[in-house]
Amino acid sequence: MPQTNDAVKIIDKMTRSDPLVEAMVAQASINALVAQLIYKARTSSGLTQKQLAELVGTKQPVIARLEDADYEGHSLSMLEKIARALNHRVVIDLIPTEHELHPVSKY
């Protein structure tokens, strides 16, 4: 196999060989995505963290934590409150992973 210096390919190879690392990377990706979505929705609405917090009924540090990619405490109820305050809606989808694309046999 040819060597690569592409970081994404290296990380992908490393995570695929260890299910625990793969799960940790997947969770970190979800946390980062949620934080980014909240930030983008808030800033595109022209609101500060404090203004959004007031609309949602919480404090500014809570919004700051939610916009932190390392934060792991996102809750669906808080996301729904934020979505309503920003005139958005939360959409959740379940999609099969690459490992689960084949139908499961029935017994």
C-alpha atoms as a PDB file:
ATOM      1  CA  MET A   1       0.000   0.000   0.000  1.00  0.00           C
ATOM      2  CA  PRO A   2       1.454   3.403  -0.935  1.00  0.00           C
ATOM      3  CA  GLN A   3       2.240   5.764   1.926  1.00  0.00           C
ATOM      4  CA  THR A   4       0.302   8.983   2.304  1.00  0.00           C
ATOM      5  CA  ASN A   5       0.785  12.238   4.146  1.00  0.00           C
ATOM      6  CA  ASP A   6      -2.918  13.111   3.858  1.00  0.00           C
ATOM      7  CA  ALA A   7      -4.001  13.613   7.487  1.00  0.00           C
ATOM      8  CA  VAL A   8      -7.625  12.714   6.786  1.00  0.00           C
ATOM      9  CA  LYS A   9      -6.645   9.405   5.187  1.00  0.00           C
ATOM     10  CA  ILE A  10      -4.252   8.608   8.046  1.00  0.00           C
ATOM     11  CA  ILE A  11      -6.869   9.368  10.706  1.00  0.00           C
ATOM     12  CA  ASP A  12      -9.489   7.376   8.796  1.00  0.00           C
ATOM     13  CA  LYS A  13      -7.159   4.371   8.641  1.00  0.00           C
ATOM     14  CA  MET A  14      -6.361   4.658  12.357  1.00  0.00           C
ATOM     15  CA  THR A  15      -9.980   4.960  13.459  1.00  0.00           C
ATOM     16  CA  ARG A  16     -11.275   2.149  11.286  1.00  0.00           C
ATOM     17  CA  SER A  17      -8.913  -0.291  12.969  1.00  0.00           C
ATOM     18  CA  ASP A  18     -10.122   0.574  16.481  1.00  0.00           C
ATOM     19  CA  PRO A  19     -13.893   0.671  17.127  1.00  0.00           C
ATOM     20  CA  LEU A  20     -13.443   2.658  20.356  1.00  0.00           C
ATOM     21  CA  VAL A  21     -11.416   5.368  18.624  1.00  0.00           C
ATOM     22  CA  GLU A  22     -13.890   5.371  15.728  1.00  0.00           C
ATOM     23  CA  ALA A  23     -16.765   5.936  18.178  1.00  0.00           C
ATOM     24  CA  MET A  24     -14.880   8.726  19.959  1.00  0.00           C
ATOM     25  CA  VAL A  25     -14.145  10.474  16.658  1.00  0.00           C
ATOM     26  CA  ALA A  26     -17.785  10.119  15.610  1.00  0.00           C
ATOM     27  CA  GLN A  27     -18.998  11.638  18.898  1.00  0.00           C
ATOM     28  CA  ALA A  28     -16.510  14.499  18.664  1.00  0.00           C
ATOM     29  CA  SER A  29     -17.674  15.162  15.111  1.00  0.00           C
ATOM     30  CA  ILE A  30     -21.299  15.333  16.242  1.00  0.00           C
ATOM     31  CA  ASN A  31     -20.422  17.715  19.096  1.00  0.00           C
ATOM     32  CA  ALA A  32     -18.489  19.964  16.719  1.00  0.00           C
ATOM     33  CA  LEU A  33     -21.313  19.931  14.184  1.00  0.00           C
ATOM     34  CA  VAL A  34     -23.968  20.842  16.773  1.00  0.00           C
ATOM     35  CA  ALA A  35     -21.787  23.671  18.121  1.00  0.00           C
ATOM     36  CA  GLN A  36     -21.210  24.970  14.607  1.00  0.00           C
ATOM     37  CA  LEU A  37     -24.916  24.814  13.746  1.00  0.00           C
ATOM     38  CA  ILE A  38     -25.875  26.779  16.860  1.00  0.00           C
ATOM     39  CA  TYR A  39     -23.185  29.391  16.205  1.00  0.00           C
ATOM     40  CA  LYS A  40     -24.137  29.781  12.548  1.00  0.00           C
ATOM     41  CA  ALA A  41     -27.860  30.076  13.285  1.00  0.00           C
ATOM     42  CA  ARG A  42     -27.243  32.632  16.052  1.00  0.00           C
ATOM     43  CA  THR A  43     -24.833  34.808  14.080  1.00  0.00           C
ATOM     44  CA  SER A  44     -26.902  34.685  10.888  1.00  0.00           C
ATOM     45  CA  SER A  45     -29.804  35.963  13.010  1.00  0.00           C
ATOM     46  CA  GLY A  46     -27.612  38.851  14.148  1.00  0.00           C
ATOM     47  CA  LEU A  47     -27.779  37.919  17.819  1.00  0.00           C
ATOM     48  CA  THR A  48     -25.138  37.920  20.512  1.00  0.00           C
ATOM     49  CA  GLN A  49     -24.824  34.972  22.865  1.00  0.00           C
ATOM     50  CA  LYS A  50     -26.451  37.083  25.572  1.00  0.00           C
ATOM     51  CA  GLN A  51     -29.407  37.997  23.354  1.00  0.00           C
ATOM     52  CA  LEU A  52     -29.981  34.365  22.376  1.00  0.00           C
ATOM     53  CA  ALA A  53     -29.718  33.317  26.017  1.00  0.00           C
ATOM     54  CA  GLU A  54     -32.422  35.815  26.951  1.00  0.00           C
ATOM     55  CA  LEU A  55     -34.704  34.521  24.177  1.00  0.00           C
ATOM     56  CA  VAL A  56     -34.176  30.936  25.318  1.00  0.00           C
ATOM     57  CA  GLY A  57     -34.492  31.722  29.027  1.00  0.00           C
ATOM     58  CA  THR A  58     -30.947  30.882  30.065  1.00  0.00           C
ATOM     59  CA  LYS A  59     -27.615  32.640  30.684  1.00  0.00           C
ATOM     60  CA  GLN A  60     -24.903  33.636  28.190  1.00  0.00           C
ATOM     61  CA  PRO A  61     -22.343  31.104  29.515  1.00  0.00           C
ATOM     62  CA  VAL A  62     -24.777  28.297  28.623  1.00  0.00           C
ATOM     63  CA  ILE A  63     -24.861  29.471  25.009  1.00  0.00           C
ATOM     64  CA  ALA A  64     -21.066  29.787  25.017  1.00  0.00           C
ATOM     65  CA  ARG A  65     -20.764  26.161  26.198  1.00  0.00           C
ATOM     66  CA  LEU A  66     -23.221  24.985  23.542  1.00  0.00           C
ATOM     67  CA  GLU A  67     -21.120  26.690  20.875  1.00  0.00           C
ATOM     68  CA  ASP A  68     -17.951  24.987  22.125  1.00  0.00           C
ATOM     69  CA  ALA A  69     -16.991  22.031  19.898  1.00  0.00           C
ATOM     70  CA  ASP A  70     -15.661  20.158  22.953  1.00  0.00           C
ATOM     71  CA  TYR A  71     -18.949  20.399  24.878  1.00  0.00           C
ATOM     72  CA  GLU A  72     -20.640  17.022  25.283  1.00  0.00           C
ATOM     73  CA  GLY A  73     -23.843  17.984  27.067  1.00  0.00           C
ATOM     74  CA  HIS A  74     -26.097  18.975  24.188  1.00  0.00           C
ATOM     75  CA  SER A  75     -29.715  18.131  24.833  1.00  0.00           C
ATOM     76  CA  LEU A  76     -32.523  17.860  22.365  1.00  0.00           C
ATOM     77  CA  SER A  77     -34.782  20.045  24.498  1.00  0.00           C
ATOM     78  CA  MET A  78     -32.231  22.884  24.548  1.00  0.00           C
ATOM     79  CA  LEU A  79     -31.653  22.555  20.798  1.00  0.00           C
ATOM     80  CA  GLU A  80     -35.408  22.810  20.269  1.00  0.00           C
ATOM     81  CA  LYS A  81     -35.594  25.952  22.434  1.00  0.00           C
ATOM     82  CA  ILE A  82     -32.749  27.526  20.469  1.00  0.00           C
ATOM     83  CA  ALA A  83     -34.336  26.539  17.167  1.00  0.00           C
ATOM     84  CA  ARG A  84     -37.679  28.092  18.155  1.00  0.00           C
ATOM     85  CA  ALA A  85     -35.989  31.286  19.370  1.00  0.00           C
ATOM     86  CA  LEU A  86     -34.164  31.598  16.030  1.00  0.00           C
ATOM     87  CA  ASN A  87     -37.207  30.663  13.958  1.00  0.00           C
ATOM     88  CA  HIS A  88     -35.605  27.363  12.934  1.00  0.00           C
ATOM     89  CA  ARG A  89     -36.504  23.740  13.482  1.00  0.00           C
ATOM     90  CA  VAL A  90     -34.407  20.773  14.549  1.00  0.00           C
ATOM     91  CA  VAL A  91     -34.185  17.923  12.059  1.00  0.00           C
ATOM     92  CA  ILE A  92     -32.773  14.570  13.136  1.00  0.00           C
ATOM     93  CA  ASP A  93     -32.027  11.698  10.814  1.00  0.00           C
ATOM     94  CA  LEU A  94     -30.754   8.178  11.342  1.00  0.00           C
ATOM     95  CA  ILE A  95     -28.634   6.840   8.520  1.00  0.00           C
ATOM     96  CA  PRO A  96     -26.805   3.532   8.264  1.00  0.00           C
ATOM     97  CA  THR A  97     -23.076   3.531   8.760  1.00  0.00           C
ATOM     98  CA  GLU A  98     -20.854   2.051   6.082  1.00  0.00           C
ATOM     99  CA  HIS A  99     -20.555  -1.100   8.175  1.00  0.00           C
ATOM    100  CA  GLU A 100     -24.325  -1.525   8.293  1.00  0.00           C
ATOM    101  CA  LEU A 101     -25.307  -0.964   4.675  1.00  0.00           C
ATOM    102  CA  HIS A 102     -26.132  -4.623   4.160  1.00  0.00           C
ATOM    103  CA  PRO A 103     -29.501  -5.894   5.361  1.00  0.00           C
ATOM    104  CA  VAL A 104     -29.490  -7.866   8.573  1.00  0.00           C
ATOM    105  CA  SER A 105     -30.692 -11.401   8.090  1.00  0.00           C
ATOM    106  CA  LYS A 106     -33.805 -12.378   9.993  1.00  0.00           C
ATOM    107  CA  TYR A 107     -33.848 -15.533  12.118  1.00  0.00           C
END
